Amino acid sequence: MNEPPETTPTDRLSAGQPADAGWPDATASDIHPGTDAVAPADRHVVGPLSREAAGALLDHGAALLETGDYREAFATYQRVVGFDDPAVTGAALLGVAQAAYRLDDEDFAIRTWERVLELPETAATYQAWRNVAAARVREGDLNGAIAAYREADRRAPHEDKAEISNRLGWLAKETGNVRASRRYFARGRGTVLPIVTYAILGITIVVSLSAMASVDGPNLYQVLELDKPAVAAGEIWRLWTVTLLHDPSNLLHLLFNMYALYLAGPIVERLYGSALTAVFYLVCAAGGSLGSFAFGSDAPSVGASGAIFGLFGILLIATRTHNPALDRASRNFVAQLGTLLLINIIFGIVASGYIDNFAHIGGFVTGALLGVAFVPGRVPTLRSMWQGGSGGQVASGFVGSQVGRMAAMLVLVGLLAVMAAIGFGRWG
């Protein structure tokens, strides 16, 4: 007599039978939890499962999936479903769904993933949302896939965030939401919200406009501007507060500086992160102010140009020394920096009576040295993406080497100290 052909879960569903019918020992009495131990990895033993036995069955089910024995894996995982720990049951349901999916019963797999989502939140919840999202894509339900991927994104470990963001980007693009697509792709590239840049912009604009328009404006200038004798007398804060003020008779001074900061700041923040960007801005502000303090005229100075030129210096030098991977818009901006700086130098020479060229130079040189000393840590660089045959990084020139970076830091510290000494000697 010929034996009946084997059936898949899909065949049994079509015949009106439960999808797990025919699996050995996968009955309702076998899937209820308890506290008494059974033999590890033995799904045929009836009765309650201990935690150790449930864990052993989960491990055995995973091994069966690896070897391609999907029927036995299905039955092994099903034996654990119903354990009184939602984390264990969730893991078992994921295994059941994976086995069913491998047996071409996607409908049953989807329903099983959805059962995981009905449990209390566990580690399995994230994977279930991802699997449901992928199934929605295969069904053509793109909006449903977006909703599921968003749920997965809320629970995703850090290392999976970029992949999910890119998938959301493609789905948003397919559904015509271009703005959301760009936002998701930016996240996938590791783009961070430039909160430090925006904070500096907001504070500077508010203080500058207040000083220009308020009846107390003159008092703000007296307290915050770069007054060289006052700095020499101990009012060191002026090295930084000068960046908060701009020429009261020329609104374009503020607008141009803030636009330049709006362009350069987010790129620096994307390369180095928010914390380092804040430190860099303060150091570049000090470098610009010390340049003016040491070599500038006796007229008080105002403006954030020194700090902004420092950001220009960071971008111009870091991108050439460390070769970070940039998006197209950032590459285009950095490529134009040399021309922009040349125009500013020429304009500074022509209008030297109105522009503090030494603040620009001090800030730029400070930023350039920072660009050498610090390797961008938020995006890949060519040296981090390519490995030498010995397992080390591809060699770069002296400037980009560890010794070169340390030398740049020493030069920077020495330069700031020398400018401070000259300034105190002039105005003290």
Protein backbone atom coordinates (compact mmCIF):
# COMPACT_ATOMS: atom_id res chain seq x y z
CA MET A 1 0.00 0.00 0.00
CA ASN A 2 1.29 3.47 -0.89
CA GLU A 3 1.75 5.87 2.00
CA PRO A 4 -0.19 9.14 1.80
CA PRO A 5 1.89 12.08 0.59
CA GLU A 6 3.31 14.45 3.17
CA THR A 7 1.34 17.64 3.62
CA THR A 8 2.53 21.12 4.46
CA PRO A 9 0.82 23.49 6.89
CA THR A 10 -0.69 25.24 3.87
CA ASP A 11 -2.24 21.95 2.68
CA ARG A 12 -3.83 21.38 6.07
CA LEU A 13 -5.18 24.92 6.24
CA SER A 14 -6.75 24.46 2.81
CA ALA A 15 -8.41 21.26 4.04
CA GLY A 16 -9.89 23.10 7.01
CA GLN A 17 -7.56 21.50 9.55
CA PRO A 18 -5.38 23.29 12.08
CA ALA A 19 -1.98 24.17 10.67
CA ASP A 20 -0.26 22.09 13.35
CA ALA A 21 -2.41 18.99 12.80
CA GLY A 22 -0.31 15.92 12.12
CA TRP A 23 2.72 17.17 14.00
CA PRO A 24 3.75 14.56 16.55
CA ASP A 25 2.71 15.46 20.09
CA ALA A 26 1.87 19.08 19.17
CA THR A 27 -1.44 18.94 21.03
CA ALA A 28 -3.05 21.41 23.37
CA SER A 29 -2.16 19.30 26.39
CA ASP A 30 1.50 19.56 25.51
CA ILE A 31 1.80 23.33 25.34
CA HIS A 32 0.63 24.40 28.78
CA PRO A 33 3.31 25.44 31.25
CA GLY A 34 4.18 24.07 34.60
CA THR A 35 7.00 23.72 37.02
CA ASP A 36 8.06 20.07 36.83
CA ALA A 37 11.12 19.26 34.77
CA VAL A 38 11.13 17.04 31.70
CA ALA A 39 14.10 15.65 29.84
CA PRO A 40 15.99 18.44 28.08
CA ALA A 41 15.25 18.81 24.34
CA ASP A 42 12.73 15.93 24.41
CA ARG A 43 9.48 17.29 23.00
CA HIS A 44 7.78 13.87 23.14
CA VAL A 45 7.62 13.84 26.94
CA VAL A 46 4.24 15.14 28.04
CA GLY A 47 3.65 17.25 31.10
CA PRO A 48 4.73 20.65 32.36
CA LEU A 49 8.06 22.13 31.33
CA SER A 50 10.72 23.54 33.59
CA ARG A 51 12.58 26.65 32.51
CA GLU A 52 15.67 24.55 31.80
CA ALA A 53 13.69 22.14 29.62
CA ALA A 54 12.01 24.99 27.76
CA GLY A 55 15.38 26.60 27.09
CA ALA A 56 16.81 23.30 25.87
CA LEU A 57 13.88 22.85 23.48
CA LEU A 58 14.36 26.37 22.12
CA ASP A 59 18.03 25.62 21.48
CA HIS A 60 17.13 22.31 19.84
CA GLY A 61 14.54 24.01 17.64
CA ALA A 62 17.13 26.55 16.50
CA ALA A 63 19.53 23.71 15.62
CA LEU A 64 16.80 21.98 13.62
CA LEU A 65 16.13 25.18 11.69
CA GLU A 66 19.83 25.43 10.91
CA THR A 67 19.87 21.89 9.49
CA GLY A 68 16.70 22.45 7.44
CA ASP A 69 14.45 20.06 9.40
CA TYR A 70 11.60 22.55 9.47
CA ARG A 71 8.83 20.08 10.36
CA GLU A 72 10.60 18.83 13.44
CA ALA A 73 11.59 22.39 14.33
CA PHE A 74 7.94 23.43 14.10
CA ALA A 75 6.87 20.69 16.50
CA THR A 76 9.76 21.36 18.89
CA TYR A 77 9.01 25.08 19.15
CA GLN A 78 5.27 24.39 19.44
CA ARG A 79 5.96 22.25 22.51
CA VAL A 80 7.19 25.38 24.34
CA VAL A 81 4.35 27.72 23.32
CA GLY A 82 2.28 28.65 26.38
CA PHE A 83 5.15 28.71 28.87
CA ASP A 84 4.31 31.10 31.68
CA ASP A 85 7.18 33.47 30.83
CA PRO A 86 6.12 35.68 27.87
CA ALA A 87 9.76 35.97 26.79
CA VAL A 88 10.03 32.19 26.42
CA THR A 89 6.67 31.87 24.68
CA GLY A 90 7.55 34.77 22.39
CA ALA A 91 10.80 33.08 21.38
CA ALA A 92 8.93 29.83 20.76
CA LEU A 93 6.33 31.56 18.60
CA LEU A 94 9.08 33.18 16.54
CA GLY A 95 10.51 29.71 15.95
CA VAL A 96 7.12 28.30 14.99
CA ALA A 97 6.58 31.15 12.54
CA GLN A 98 10.05 30.74 11.05
CA ALA A 99 9.48 27.02 10.50
CA ALA A 100 6.06 27.65 8.95
CA TYR A 101 7.52 30.31 6.67
CA ARG A 102 10.23 27.89 5.55
CA LEU A 103 7.46 25.39 4.78
CA ASP A 104 5.83 28.01 2.50
CA ASP A 105 2.94 28.71 4.85
CA GLU A 106 3.39 32.49 5.09
CA ASP A 107 -0.19 33.15 6.19
CA PHE A 108 0.30 30.95 9.25
CA ALA A 109 3.68 32.58 9.90
CA ILE A 110 2.15 36.07 9.79
CA ARG A 111 -0.61 35.09 12.20
CA THR A 112 2.00 33.64 14.54
CA TRP A 113 4.11 36.81 14.44
CA GLU A 114 0.96 38.74 15.26
CA ARG A 115 0.44 36.45 18.25
CA VAL A 116 3.84 37.57 19.52
CA LEU A 117 2.63 41.17 19.33
CA GLU A 118 -0.30 40.29 21.60
CA LEU A 119 2.07 39.20 24.37
CA PRO A 120 3.60 41.61 26.87
CA GLU A 121 6.66 43.40 25.49
CA THR A 122 9.66 41.07 25.19
CA ALA A 123 12.80 40.78 23.10
CA ALA A 124 10.73 38.84 20.56
CA THR A 125 8.45 41.84 19.97
CA TYR A 126 11.04 43.70 17.92
CA GLN A 127 11.74 40.76 15.61
CA ALA A 128 8.03 40.08 15.20
CA TRP A 129 7.41 43.68 14.08
CA ARG A 130 10.26 43.40 11.58
CA ASN A 131 8.88 40.16 10.18
CA VAL A 132 5.36 41.56 9.93
CA ALA A 133 6.73 44.64 8.16
CA ALA A 134 8.61 42.52 5.62
CA ALA A 135 5.47 40.45 5.03
CA ARG A 136 3.45 43.62 4.40
CA VAL A 137 6.01 44.63 1.77
CA ARG A 138 5.62 41.27 0.04
CA GLU A 139 1.85 41.73 0.10
CA GLY A 140 2.16 45.19 -1.45
CA ASP A 141 0.72 46.89 1.65
CA LEU A 142 3.35 49.64 1.80
CA ASN A 143 1.53 51.83 4.32
CA GLY A 144 1.09 48.81 6.58
CA ALA A 145 4.79 48.05 6.17
CA ILE A 146 5.71 51.62 7.13
CA ALA A 147 3.59 51.40 10.27
CA ALA A 148 5.17 48.07 11.24
CA TYR A 149 8.72 49.25 10.55
CA ARG A 150 8.08 52.31 12.70
CA GLU A 151 7.11 50.03 15.56
CA ALA A 152 10.25 47.98 14.93
CA ASP A 153 12.34 51.14 14.84
CA ARG A 154 11.12 52.14 18.31
CA ARG A 155 12.48 48.87 19.69
CA ALA A 156 15.51 48.31 17.45
CA PRO A 157 19.00 47.92 18.91
CA HIS A 158 21.44 50.61 17.85
CA GLU A 159 23.17 48.42 15.27
CA ASP A 160 19.88 47.84 13.39
CA LYS A 161 18.70 51.46 13.34
CA ALA A 162 20.42 52.39 10.07
CA GLU A 163 19.02 49.41 8.17
CA ILE A 164 15.47 50.07 9.32
CA SER A 165 15.79 53.78 8.54
CA ASN A 166 16.89 52.96 5.00
CA ARG A 167 13.94 50.59 4.53
CA LEU A 168 11.59 53.28 5.78
CA GLY A 169 13.26 55.68 3.38
CA TRP A 170 12.58 53.46 0.38
CA LEU A 171 8.99 52.82 1.47
CA ALA A 172 8.35 56.54 2.01
CA LYS A 173 9.80 57.23 -1.43
CA GLU A 174 7.57 54.57 -3.01
CA THR A 175 4.49 56.09 -1.37
CA GLY A 176 5.40 59.59 -2.58
CA ASN A 177 6.44 61.07 0.77
CA VAL A 178 9.68 62.66 -0.42
CA ARG A 179 10.30 64.70 2.72
CA ALA A 180 9.97 61.68 5.01
CA SER A 181 12.13 59.67 2.62
CA ARG A 182 14.96 62.19 2.87
CA ARG A 183 14.66 62.27 6.64
CA TYR A 184 14.85 58.47 6.92
CA PHE A 185 17.77 58.20 4.50
CA ALA A 186 19.60 60.89 6.46
CA ARG A 187 19.11 58.85 9.63
CA GLY A 188 20.33 55.76 7.81
CA ARG A 189 23.54 57.57 6.89
CA GLY A 190 24.05 58.44 10.55
CA THR A 191 23.00 62.04 10.12
CA VAL A 192 22.24 63.61 13.47
CA LEU A 193 20.01 66.55 14.24
CA PRO A 194 22.48 69.45 14.60
CA ILE A 195 21.15 70.51 17.99
CA VAL A 196 24.33 72.38 18.98
CA THR A 197 24.36 74.37 15.75
CA TYR A 198 20.70 75.28 16.14
CA ALA A 199 21.22 76.20 19.79
CA ILE A 200 24.14 78.50 18.91
CA LEU A 201 22.11 80.06 16.11
CA GLY A 202 19.15 80.70 18.40
CA ILE A 203 21.16 82.14 21.28
CA THR A 204 23.29 84.35 19.02
CA ILE A 205 20.33 85.74 17.10
CA VAL A 206 18.37 86.49 20.28
CA VAL A 207 21.28 88.20 22.06
CA SER A 208 22.39 90.15 18.97
CA LEU A 209 18.92 91.44 18.15
CA SER A 210 18.31 92.29 21.80
CA ALA A 211 21.53 94.28 21.94
CA MET A 212 20.65 96.08 18.71
CA ALA A 213 17.07 96.95 19.60
CA SER A 214 16.93 97.18 23.39
CA VAL A 215 17.36 100.36 25.37
CA ASP A 216 19.85 98.34 27.41
CA GLY A 217 21.74 97.39 24.27
CA PRO A 218 24.72 99.65 24.96
CA ASN A 219 25.12 98.01 28.34
CA LEU A 220 25.22 94.56 26.71
CA TYR A 221 27.94 95.70 24.34
CA GLN A 222 29.97 97.12 27.21
CA VAL A 223 29.78 93.82 29.10
CA LEU A 224 30.12 91.29 26.24
CA GLU A 225 32.25 92.83 23.45
CA LEU A 226 35.94 92.02 22.99
CA ASP A 227 37.44 94.93 24.89
CA LYS A 228 41.17 94.14 24.88
CA PRO A 229 42.21 96.11 27.99
CA ALA A 230 39.27 94.58 29.86
CA VAL A 231 40.40 91.07 28.86
CA ALA A 232 43.92 91.88 30.05
CA ALA A 233 42.39 93.07 33.33
CA GLY A 234 40.86 89.63 33.87
CA GLU A 235 37.51 89.69 32.04
CA ILE A 236 38.34 86.49 30.17
CA TRP A 237 34.71 85.70 29.32
CA ARG A 238 34.85 88.32 26.59
CA LEU A 239 36.88 85.87 24.47
CA TRP A 240 33.62 83.93 24.00
CA THR A 241 30.80 86.42 24.60
CA VAL A 242 32.04 88.50 21.66
CA THR A 243 30.44 85.86 19.39
CA LEU A 244 26.98 86.78 20.71
CA LEU A 245 27.11 90.38 19.45
CA HIS A 246 27.16 91.90 15.96
CA ASP A 247 27.52 95.34 14.42
CA PRO A 248 24.45 97.31 15.60
CA SER A 249 24.51 99.46 12.46
CA ASN A 250 24.71 96.57 10.00
CA LEU A 251 22.14 93.76 10.20
CA LEU A 252 23.86 92.01 7.28
CA HIS A 253 26.80 91.28 9.59
CA LEU A 254 24.54 89.08 11.71
CA LEU A 255 22.71 87.55 8.74
CA PHE A 256 25.86 86.56 6.85
CA ASN A 257 27.48 85.03 9.93
CA MET A 258 24.39 83.06 10.87
CA TYR A 259 23.93 81.79 7.33
CA ALA A 260 27.55 80.63 7.27
CA LEU A 261 27.05 78.89 10.62
CA TYR A 262 23.84 77.29 9.31
CA LEU A 263 25.81 75.81 6.39
CA ALA A 264 29.00 74.72 8.15
CA GLY A 265 27.78 73.78 11.63
CA PRO A 266 25.62 70.77 10.71
CA ILE A 267 28.44 69.22 8.66
CA VAL A 268 30.89 69.52 11.55
CA GLU A 269 28.26 68.11 13.90
CA ARG A 270 27.62 65.20 11.53
CA LEU A 271 31.33 64.41 11.43
CA TYR A 272 32.16 64.80 15.12
CA GLY A 273 28.91 64.69 17.07
CA SER A 274 27.21 67.38 19.12
CA ALA A 275 29.51 67.38 22.16
CA LEU A 276 32.75 67.82 20.20
CA THR A 277 31.13 70.43 17.95
CA ALA A 278 30.29 72.53 21.01
CA VAL A 279 33.88 72.21 22.26
CA PHE A 280 35.27 73.05 18.81
CA TYR A 281 33.11 76.16 18.54
CA LEU A 282 34.33 77.43 21.90
CA VAL A 283 37.97 76.68 21.11
CA CYS A 284 37.71 78.36 17.69
CA ALA A 285 36.01 81.37 19.28
CA ALA A 286 38.90 81.62 21.73
CA GLY A 287 41.41 81.26 18.89
CA GLY A 288 39.77 84.04 16.90
CA SER A 289 39.51 86.33 19.91
CA LEU A 290 43.12 85.70 20.93
CA GLY A 291 44.22 86.51 17.37
CA SER A 292 42.50 89.87 17.68
CA PHE A 293 43.71 90.28 21.27
CA ALA A 294 47.32 89.73 20.22
CA PHE A 295 47.51 91.48 16.86
CA GLY A 296 44.31 93.48 16.32
CA SER A 297 43.59 97.16 16.72
CA ASP A 298 42.58 98.79 19.98
CA ALA A 299 38.95 99.08 18.86
CA PRO A 300 36.49 96.71 20.57
CA SER A 301 35.43 93.76 18.40
CA VAL A 302 32.07 92.02 17.96
CA GLY A 303 30.92 89.07 15.89
CA ALA A 304 31.05 85.29 15.57
CA SER A 305 33.29 85.36 12.49
CA GLY A 306 36.34 83.99 14.30
CA ALA A 307 34.46 80.92 15.53
CA ILE A 308 32.81 80.38 12.14
CA PHE A 309 36.12 80.66 10.31
CA GLY A 310 37.32 78.01 12.75
CA LEU A 311 34.54 75.68 11.57
CA PHE A 312 35.61 76.42 8.00
CA GLY A 313 39.17 75.45 8.93
CA ILE A 314 38.00 72.19 10.51
CA LEU A 315 36.04 71.21 7.40
CA LEU A 316 38.67 72.26 4.90
CA ILE A 317 41.51 70.39 6.61
CA ALA A 318 39.70 67.38 8.14
CA THR A 319 38.10 66.44 4.82
CA ARG A 320 41.49 66.45 3.11
CA THR A 321 43.45 64.82 5.91
CA HIS A 322 41.05 62.11 7.08
CA ASN A 323 38.82 61.74 3.99
CA PRO A 324 35.45 61.28 5.74
CA ALA A 325 32.54 59.94 3.70
CA LEU A 326 30.20 62.89 3.03
CA ASP A 327 26.86 63.21 1.31
CA ARG A 328 26.72 65.12 -1.98
CA ALA A 329 25.50 68.42 -0.52
CA SER A 330 28.26 68.45 2.10
CA ARG A 331 30.92 67.59 -0.49
CA ASN A 332 29.73 70.45 -2.69
CA PHE A 333 29.89 72.93 0.20
CA VAL A 334 33.36 71.83 1.29
CA ALA A 335 34.58 72.02 -2.30
CA GLN A 336 33.58 75.70 -2.39
CA LEU A 337 35.19 76.58 0.94
CA GLY A 338 38.54 77.49 -0.57
CA THR A 339 36.92 80.01 -2.91
CA LEU A 340 34.76 81.38 -0.11
CA LEU A 341 37.78 81.89 2.12
CA LEU A 342 39.72 83.60 -0.67
CA ILE A 343 36.85 86.03 -1.24
CA ASN A 344 36.76 86.81 2.49
CA ILE A 345 40.51 87.41 2.58
CA ILE A 346 40.33 89.84 -0.35
CA PHE A 347 37.32 91.60 1.13
CA GLY A 348 39.07 91.79 4.50
CA ILE A 349 42.10 93.47 2.95
CA VAL A 350 39.98 95.98 1.01
CA ALA A 351 37.80 96.82 4.02
CA SER A 352 40.43 96.37 6.70
CA GLY A 353 39.09 99.26 8.74
CA TYR A 354 35.80 97.44 9.31
CA ILE A 355 36.84 93.80 9.47
CA ASP A 356 38.88 92.12 12.19
CA ASN A 357 41.13 90.08 9.92
CA PHE A 358 43.22 88.77 12.80
CA ALA A 359 40.12 87.24 14.40
CA HIS A 360 39.38 85.47 11.11
CA ILE A 361 42.95 84.22 10.79
CA GLY A 362 43.16 83.13 14.43
CA GLY A 363 39.89 81.24 14.20
CA PHE A 364 40.75 79.59 10.90
CA VAL A 365 44.20 78.41 12.01
CA THR A 366 42.72 77.08 15.26
CA GLY A 367 40.08 75.15 13.32
CA ALA A 368 42.63 73.83 10.84
CA LEU A 369 44.75 72.40 13.67
CA LEU A 370 41.65 70.83 15.23
CA GLY A 371 40.83 69.31 11.85
CA VAL A 372 44.23 67.62 11.82
CA ALA A 373 44.18 66.55 15.46
CA PHE A 374 40.71 64.96 15.54
CA VAL A 375 39.57 62.13 13.27
CA PRO A 376 35.83 62.27 12.48
CA GLY A 377 34.19 59.62 14.60
CA ARG A 378 30.56 59.78 13.42
CA VAL A 379 31.09 58.78 9.78
CA PRO A 380 33.43 56.31 8.04
CA THR A 381 36.74 57.54 6.69
CA LEU A 382 38.76 56.01 3.88
CA ARG A 383 41.32 54.82 6.42
CA SER A 384 38.64 53.14 8.52
CA MET A 385 37.02 51.44 5.51
CA TRP A 386 40.22 50.02 4.01
CA GLN A 387 42.51 47.72 5.92
CA GLY A 388 46.11 46.96 5.08
CA GLY A 389 47.32 43.44 4.42
CA SER A 390 48.76 43.18 7.91
CA GLY A 391 45.44 44.08 9.45
CA GLY A 392 46.44 47.68 10.18
CA GLN A 393 45.02 50.79 8.64
CA VAL A 394 46.22 51.97 5.27
CA ALA A 395 49.09 54.34 5.86
CA SER A 396 48.43 58.03 5.39
CA GLY A 397 50.84 60.95 5.38
CA PHE A 398 52.48 62.29 8.48
CA VAL A 399 49.74 64.88 9.03
CA GLY A 400 47.06 62.19 9.29
CA SER A 401 49.13 59.84 11.43
CA GLN A 402 48.82 59.57 15.19
CA VAL A 403 52.11 61.43 15.61
CA GLY A 404 50.90 64.14 13.25
CA ARG A 405 47.66 64.54 15.19
CA MET A 406 49.51 64.82 18.49
CA ALA A 407 51.86 67.37 16.95
CA ALA A 408 48.87 69.42 15.76
CA MET A 409 47.46 69.47 19.30
CA LEU A 410 50.78 70.63 20.72
CA VAL A 411 51.05 73.35 18.08
CA LEU A 412 47.49 74.48 18.85
CA VAL A 413 48.09 74.72 22.59
CA GLY A 414 51.35 76.55 21.99
CA LEU A 415 49.75 78.96 19.51
CA LEU A 416 46.93 79.87 21.90
CA ALA A 417 49.42 80.36 24.72
CA VAL A 418 51.66 82.59 22.59
CA MET A 419 48.77 84.75 21.39
CA ALA A 420 47.51 85.10 24.96
CA ALA A 421 50.98 86.11 26.16
CA ILE A 422 51.34 88.69 23.38
CA GLY A 423 47.89 90.10 24.12
CA PHE A 424 48.51 90.40 27.85
CA GLY A 425 51.84 92.03 27.07
CA ARG A 426 50.17 94.59 24.80
CA TRP A 427 47.19 95.47 26.95
CA GLY A 428 48.24 94.54 30.48
